[in-house]
Amino acid sequence: MIVCVRPDLGAVAPGRRADLLVLNSDPTADIGSVRDLGMVILNGELTVDRRDLDL
């Protein structure tokens, strides 16, 4: 678990800030997984959605 110093960061919940990178695989198992992007949520809006792409 990552703990943030700022109270407006560190939780995914309604009304909270939401900037997220969602990966399709575990980067702690293989650092190359950071290139396997599933989606990006910026300011609570879905901005990139690669979940349905066959890459």
C-alpha atoms as a PDB file:
ATOM      1  CA  MET A   1       0.000   0.000   0.000  1.00  0.00           C
ATOM      2  CA  ILE A   2       1.231   3.462  -0.889  1.00  0.00           C
ATOM      3  CA  VAL A   3       0.576   6.187   1.675  1.00  0.00           C
ATOM      4  CA  CYS A   4       0.356   9.789   0.467  1.00  0.00           C
ATOM      5  CA  VAL A   5       1.103  12.846   2.556  1.00  0.00           C
ATOM      6  CA  ARG A   6      -1.621  14.916   0.862  1.00  0.00           C
ATOM      7  CA  PRO A   7      -5.130  14.133   2.144  1.00  0.00           C
ATOM      8  CA  ASP A   8      -6.687  14.620  -1.340  1.00  0.00           C
ATOM      9  CA  LEU A   9      -4.543  11.804  -2.815  1.00  0.00           C
ATOM     10  CA  GLY A  10      -4.226   8.090  -2.197  1.00  0.00           C
ATOM     11  CA  ALA A  11      -7.811   6.820  -2.345  1.00  0.00           C
ATOM     12  CA  VAL A  12     -10.175   5.847  -5.145  1.00  0.00           C
ATOM     13  CA  ALA A  13     -13.649   6.989  -4.126  1.00  0.00           C
ATOM     14  CA  PRO A  14     -16.468   9.255  -5.350  1.00  0.00           C
ATOM     15  CA  GLY A  15     -15.540  12.924  -4.972  1.00  0.00           C
ATOM     16  CA  ARG A  16     -11.798  12.256  -4.796  1.00  0.00           C
ATOM     17  CA  ARG A  17      -9.206  13.246  -7.399  1.00  0.00           C
ATOM     18  CA  ALA A  18      -8.673  10.456  -9.898  1.00  0.00           C
ATOM     19  CA  ASP A  19      -5.504  10.288 -11.969  1.00  0.00           C
ATOM     20  CA  LEU A  20      -4.804   6.617 -12.589  1.00  0.00           C
ATOM     21  CA  LEU A  21      -2.726   4.453 -14.889  1.00  0.00           C
ATOM     22  CA  VAL A  22      -4.216   0.970 -15.101  1.00  0.00           C
ATOM     23  CA  LEU A  23      -1.824  -1.709 -16.289  1.00  0.00           C
ATOM     24  CA  ASN A  24      -2.779  -5.098 -17.731  1.00  0.00           C
ATOM     25  CA  SER A  25      -0.045  -6.924 -15.822  1.00  0.00           C
ATOM     26  CA  ASP A  26       1.993  -6.652 -12.631  1.00  0.00           C
ATOM     27  CA  PRO A  27       5.003  -4.293 -12.867  1.00  0.00           C
ATOM     28  CA  THR A  28       6.438  -5.673  -9.616  1.00  0.00           C
ATOM     29  CA  ALA A  29       6.810  -9.063 -11.303  1.00  0.00           C
ATOM     30  CA  ASP A  30       8.234  -7.634 -14.556  1.00  0.00           C
ATOM     31  CA  ILE A  31       9.194  -3.967 -14.988  1.00  0.00           C
ATOM     32  CA  GLY A  32       8.410  -4.288 -18.707  1.00  0.00           C
ATOM     33  CA  SER A  33       4.755  -4.458 -17.682  1.00  0.00           C
ATOM     34  CA  VAL A  34       4.691  -0.660 -17.363  1.00  0.00           C
ATOM     35  CA  ARG A  35       4.426  -0.637 -21.164  1.00  0.00           C
ATOM     36  CA  ASP A  36       1.272  -2.793 -21.031  1.00  0.00           C
ATOM     37  CA  LEU A  37      -1.183   0.079 -20.519  1.00  0.00           C
ATOM     38  CA  GLY A  38      -4.860  -0.772 -20.091  1.00  0.00           C
ATOM     39  CA  MET A  39      -6.333   2.673 -19.496  1.00  0.00           C
ATOM     40  CA  VAL A  40      -5.687   6.168 -18.177  1.00  0.00           C
ATOM     41  CA  ILE A  41      -8.073   8.152 -16.017  1.00  0.00           C
ATOM     42  CA  LEU A  42      -7.207  11.855 -15.784  1.00  0.00           C
ATOM     43  CA  ASN A  43      -9.167  14.223 -13.546  1.00  0.00           C
ATOM     44  CA  GLY A  44     -11.802  11.527 -13.124  1.00  0.00           C
ATOM     45  CA  GLU A  45     -12.341  11.092 -16.892  1.00  0.00           C
ATOM     46  CA  LEU A  46     -11.353   8.080 -18.974  1.00  0.00           C
ATOM     47  CA  THR A  47      -8.838   9.487 -21.484  1.00  0.00           C
ATOM     48  CA  VAL A  48      -7.186   6.330 -22.865  1.00  0.00           C
ATOM     49  CA  ASP A  49      -8.907   2.953 -23.122  1.00  0.00           C
ATOM     50  CA  ARG A  50      -6.876   0.121 -24.603  1.00  0.00           C
ATOM     51  CA  ARG A  51      -8.686  -2.714 -22.838  1.00  0.00           C
ATOM     52  CA  ASP A  52     -10.414  -3.929 -26.023  1.00  0.00           C
ATOM     53  CA  LEU A  53      -7.432  -3.557 -28.356  1.00  0.00           C
ATOM     54  CA  ASP A  54      -5.590  -6.694 -29.390  1.00  0.00           C
ATOM     55  CA  LEU A  55      -2.009  -5.383 -29.182  1.00  0.00           C
END
